[in-house]
Amino acid sequence: MRKAGRVVAEMLAATSAAARPGVTTARLDRVARDVLEKRSARSNFLGYHGFPAVICTSPNNVIVHGIPGSYVLREGDIISLDCGAIVEGYHGDAAVTVAVGDIPPLTEKLLRVTEESLAAGIGQLVAGNRLHEVGYAVQTVAEGAGFSVVRGYVGHAIGTQMHEEPAVPNYWPGTPGPKLRTGMVFAVEPMVNMGAADTVLLEDGWTVVTADGSLSAHFEHTIAITDDGPEILTLPA
């Protein structure tokens, strides 16, 4: 899983660097495909329930699962890049939201707070804790800053499949959840909206947008619980 995570980190770095004004989201998908080919890794997104690309590209008010295509990035956009890879049968999954050129201070705050909420959630991935303490930490940071946490889409366990049980809510669901043990691996992925938490699924069956048209940010890492605490597997080597 460390090997898969390093490929995912490379995909995120390459697509983030390519996310400039005038670039299409289809071009970002090509950049990610080039990384997979170079590293002899497989995509866990391509063909997943019919998904047609190796990454998800979600600009501005798109929360998750945006399909790469003809959309041309513009100065002032934000775009969430969600990447995955399979190496030797094991999966990695991570996401980042980046600015395309200059963005307003409130948008910068949205990105910063969402990443901080992810860090807070990761900090709870310690053997002996309960899983839903992750969501409590995420929610506390995001809502404490005046933003809202998406409820309808959550993180997940990950291993020989991309999406495994149990789910990892980004909020406190009212129960503590299972006890965490060394060796468990989770993809934690806060989705935080500038406006309300409500979502709409578009007719393509994939693209999820904010109901009120507000901006949304998405950050994700794959994390293993070790005897020494959480280990982020999707960081650059």
Foldseek 3Di string as FASTA:
>chain_A
DLLFLQLQLVLQVQLQVVQAAFDFLVVSQVSSVVSCVVSVWDAQQDCPVHQHTRKAKAKFQWQTQHHTDGDGDHQAIKIKIWHKTADPLFIWIKIAIDHHHDHDPVVVVQRVLQVVLQVQLQQQQEAFFFLQVSLCSSQCSQVVVPWEWAFPDFKAWTTSHRHDDDTRGNHRPPDRHDGHDAFTKIKGKTKIWNDYNDWDQDPVRGTIGHPVSTTITMTIFIWGHHNVGIDTSNHHD
